[in-house]
Amino acid sequence: MPEIENKPKRSFMQNMKTELKKVVWPSSKQVSKSTVATISFVLLIAVILALLNWGFSELSNFWWKLIIK
């Protein structure tokens, strides 16, 4: 522990630059694949939710018609 206390304090920016040098950045091909996968998944979930919304709306209308008669 004493050796840690004796180290000179470095600024936040210096530490940030050091850490960013350690990062392994994805290639543009990997980024493109991940983006397409994410957008596809979001669209799929949107379609599923829209169908569920429509289905429950129709079910609700059906029940109201039964109750009102």
N, C-alpha and C. Protein backbone atom coordinates (compact mmCIF):
# COMPACT_ATOMS: atom_id res chain seq x y z
N MET A 1 0.79 -1.21 0.00
CA MET A 1 0.00 0.00 0.00
C MET A 1 0.84 1.28 0.00
N PRO A 2 1.98 1.33 0.71
CA PRO A 2 2.75 2.57 0.74
C PRO A 2 3.20 3.02 -0.64
N GLU A 3 3.48 2.06 -1.54
CA GLU A 3 3.94 2.45 -2.87
C GLU A 3 2.85 3.19 -3.64
N ILE A 4 1.59 2.86 -3.39
CA ILE A 4 0.49 3.55 -4.06
C ILE A 4 0.41 5.00 -3.59
N GLU A 5 0.64 5.19 -2.30
CA GLU A 5 0.56 6.54 -1.75
C GLU A 5 1.69 7.43 -2.27
N ASN A 6 2.83 6.84 -2.62
CA ASN A 6 3.98 7.62 -3.07
C ASN A 6 3.92 7.97 -4.55
N LYS A 7 3.03 7.29 -5.30
CA LYS A 7 2.94 7.60 -6.73
C LYS A 7 2.41 9.02 -6.91
N PRO A 8 2.99 9.72 -7.86
CA PRO A 8 2.46 11.06 -8.12
C PRO A 8 1.06 10.97 -8.71
N LYS A 9 0.20 11.88 -8.31
CA LYS A 9 -1.17 11.87 -8.82
C LYS A 9 -1.18 12.42 -10.24
N ARG A 10 -1.84 11.66 -11.12
CA ARG A 10 -1.94 12.10 -12.51
C ARG A 10 -3.31 12.70 -12.73
N SER A 11 -3.39 13.55 -13.68
CA SER A 11 -4.67 14.20 -13.94
C SER A 11 -5.65 13.23 -14.57
N PHE A 12 -6.91 13.59 -14.51
CA PHE A 12 -7.97 12.76 -15.08
C PHE A 12 -7.76 12.54 -16.57
N MET A 13 -7.38 13.57 -17.30
CA MET A 13 -7.19 13.45 -18.74
C MET A 13 -6.06 12.47 -19.08
N GLN A 14 -4.99 12.49 -18.34
CA GLN A 14 -3.89 11.57 -18.58
C GLN A 14 -4.34 10.13 -18.35
N ASN A 15 -5.08 9.91 -17.28
CA ASN A 15 -5.59 8.57 -17.00
C ASN A 15 -6.56 8.11 -18.08
N MET A 16 -7.39 9.02 -18.54
CA MET A 16 -8.36 8.68 -19.58
C MET A 16 -7.64 8.28 -20.87
N LYS A 17 -6.62 9.03 -21.26
CA LYS A 17 -5.87 8.70 -22.48
C LYS A 17 -5.20 7.33 -22.35
N THR A 18 -4.65 7.04 -21.19
CA THR A 18 -4.00 5.76 -20.96
C THR A 18 -5.00 4.62 -21.10
N GLU A 19 -6.19 4.77 -20.52
CA GLU A 19 -7.21 3.73 -20.59
C GLU A 19 -7.74 3.56 -22.01
N LEU A 20 -7.90 4.66 -22.74
CA LEU A 20 -8.40 4.58 -24.11
C LEU A 20 -7.42 3.88 -25.05
N LYS A 21 -6.16 3.91 -24.72
CA LYS A 21 -5.17 3.20 -25.54
C LYS A 21 -5.32 1.68 -25.38
N LYS A 22 -5.90 1.25 -24.26
CA LYS A 22 -6.08 -0.18 -23.99
C LYS A 22 -7.33 -0.75 -24.67
N VAL A 23 -8.20 0.12 -25.12
CA VAL A 23 -9.47 -0.33 -25.69
C VAL A 23 -9.25 -0.96 -27.06
N VAL A 24 -9.91 -2.09 -27.28
CA VAL A 24 -9.87 -2.74 -28.59
C VAL A 24 -11.14 -2.31 -29.32
N TRP A 25 -10.99 -1.44 -30.30
CA TRP A 25 -12.14 -0.88 -31.01
C TRP A 25 -12.62 -1.85 -32.08
N PRO A 26 -13.95 -1.97 -32.27
CA PRO A 26 -14.46 -2.88 -33.30
C PRO A 26 -14.20 -2.31 -34.70
N SER A 27 -14.13 -3.23 -35.66
CA SER A 27 -13.94 -2.79 -37.05
C SER A 27 -15.25 -2.22 -37.58
N SER A 28 -15.18 -1.55 -38.71
CA SER A 28 -16.40 -0.97 -39.28
C SER A 28 -17.37 -2.06 -39.71
N LYS A 29 -16.84 -3.22 -40.11
CA LYS A 29 -17.70 -4.34 -40.49
C LYS A 29 -18.46 -4.86 -39.27
N GLN A 30 -17.80 -4.97 -38.13
CA GLN A 30 -18.46 -5.40 -36.90
C GLN A 30 -19.52 -4.40 -36.45
N VAL A 31 -19.21 -3.13 -36.58
CA VAL A 31 -20.17 -2.10 -36.20
C VAL A 31 -21.39 -2.16 -37.10
N SER A 32 -21.18 -2.35 -38.40
CA SER A 32 -22.29 -2.45 -39.35
C SER A 32 -23.18 -3.65 -39.03
N LYS A 33 -22.57 -4.80 -38.75
CA LYS A 33 -23.34 -6.00 -38.43
C LYS A 33 -24.15 -5.80 -37.15
N SER A 34 -23.53 -5.21 -36.16
CA SER A 34 -24.23 -4.97 -34.89
C SER A 34 -25.38 -3.98 -35.07
N THR A 35 -25.17 -2.97 -35.90
CA THR A 35 -26.21 -1.98 -36.15
C THR A 35 -27.40 -2.61 -36.86
N VAL A 36 -27.13 -3.41 -37.88
CA VAL A 36 -28.21 -4.09 -38.62
C VAL A 36 -28.96 -5.04 -37.69
N ALA A 37 -28.24 -5.78 -36.86
CA ALA A 37 -28.89 -6.70 -35.93
C ALA A 37 -29.77 -5.95 -34.94
N THR A 38 -29.29 -4.84 -34.43
CA THR A 38 -30.06 -4.05 -33.47
C THR A 38 -31.31 -3.47 -34.09
N ILE A 39 -31.18 -2.88 -35.28
CA ILE A 39 -32.34 -2.29 -35.96
C ILE A 39 -33.35 -3.37 -36.31
N SER A 40 -32.88 -4.53 -36.76
CA SER A 40 -33.79 -5.64 -37.08
C SER A 40 -34.55 -6.09 -35.85
N PHE A 41 -33.86 -6.24 -34.75
CA PHE A 41 -34.50 -6.67 -33.51
C PHE A 41 -35.53 -5.65 -33.04
N VAL A 42 -35.21 -4.38 -33.11
CA VAL A 42 -36.15 -3.33 -32.71
C VAL A 42 -37.39 -3.35 -33.60
N LEU A 43 -37.21 -3.49 -34.90
CA LEU A 43 -38.36 -3.56 -35.81
C LEU A 43 -39.22 -4.79 -35.54
N LEU A 44 -38.59 -5.93 -35.26
CA LEU A 44 -39.34 -7.14 -34.94
C LEU A 44 -40.18 -6.94 -33.68
N ILE A 45 -39.60 -6.39 -32.65
CA ILE A 45 -40.34 -6.14 -31.41
C ILE A 45 -41.45 -5.13 -31.65
N ALA A 46 -41.22 -4.11 -32.48
CA ALA A 46 -42.25 -3.12 -32.79
C ALA A 46 -43.44 -3.77 -33.49
N VAL A 47 -43.17 -4.68 -34.43
CA VAL A 47 -44.25 -5.37 -35.14
C VAL A 47 -45.03 -6.26 -34.18
N ILE A 48 -44.33 -6.98 -33.31
CA ILE A 48 -45.00 -7.84 -32.34
C ILE A 48 -45.89 -7.01 -31.41
N LEU A 49 -45.37 -5.90 -30.92
CA LEU A 49 -46.17 -5.04 -30.04
C LEU A 49 -47.37 -4.43 -30.76
N ALA A 50 -47.19 -4.06 -32.02
CA ALA A 50 -48.30 -3.51 -32.80
C ALA A 50 -49.40 -4.56 -32.98
N LEU A 51 -49.00 -5.80 -33.27
CA LEU A 51 -49.99 -6.88 -33.42
C LEU A 51 -50.71 -7.17 -32.10
N LEU A 52 -49.98 -7.19 -31.01
CA LEU A 52 -50.61 -7.39 -29.70
C LEU A 52 -51.57 -6.25 -29.38
N ASN A 53 -51.17 -5.03 -29.67
CA ASN A 53 -52.02 -3.87 -29.43
C ASN A 53 -53.31 -3.98 -30.24
N TRP A 54 -53.17 -4.34 -31.52
CA TRP A 54 -54.35 -4.49 -32.38
C TRP A 54 -55.25 -5.61 -31.86
N GLY A 55 -54.65 -6.74 -31.50
CA GLY A 55 -55.42 -7.88 -31.01
C GLY A 55 -56.18 -7.56 -29.73
N PHE A 56 -55.54 -6.92 -28.78
CA PHE A 56 -56.22 -6.56 -27.54
C PHE A 56 -57.29 -5.50 -27.77
N SER A 57 -57.05 -4.62 -28.73
CA SER A 57 -58.06 -3.61 -29.07
C SER A 57 -59.30 -4.28 -29.64
N GLU A 58 -59.10 -5.23 -30.54
CA GLU A 58 -60.23 -5.96 -31.12
C GLU A 58 -60.97 -6.76 -30.04
N LEU A 59 -60.24 -7.39 -29.15
CA LEU A 59 -60.84 -8.14 -28.06
C LEU A 59 -61.65 -7.22 -27.15
N SER A 60 -61.11 -6.05 -26.87
CA SER A 60 -61.82 -5.08 -26.04
C SER A 60 -63.11 -4.62 -26.72
N ASN A 61 -63.03 -4.33 -28.01
CA ASN A 61 -64.23 -3.92 -28.75
C ASN A 61 -65.27 -5.02 -28.76
N PHE A 62 -64.84 -6.26 -28.91
CA PHE A 62 -65.74 -7.40 -28.90
C PHE A 62 -66.47 -7.50 -27.56
N TRP A 63 -65.71 -7.37 -26.47
CA TRP A 63 -66.32 -7.45 -25.13
C TRP A 63 -67.30 -6.32 -24.90
N TRP A 64 -66.97 -5.11 -25.35
CA TRP A 64 -67.88 -3.97 -25.16
C TRP A 64 -69.17 -4.19 -25.94
N LYS A 65 -69.06 -4.77 -27.13
CA LYS A 65 -70.26 -5.05 -27.91
C LYS A 65 -71.16 -6.08 -27.21
N LEU A 66 -70.54 -7.08 -26.55
CA LEU A 66 -71.31 -8.07 -25.81
C LEU A 66 -71.97 -7.46 -24.58
N ILE A 67 -71.31 -6.58 -23.91
CA ILE A 67 -71.84 -5.97 -22.70
C ILE A 67 -72.97 -5.00 -23.03
N ILE A 68 -72.81 -4.23 -24.08
CA ILE A 68 -73.81 -3.21 -24.44
C ILE A 68 -75.10 -3.86 -24.92
N LYS A 69 -75.06 -4.98 -25.61
CA LYS A 69 -76.27 -5.63 -26.10
C LYS A 69 -77.05 -6.13 -24.98
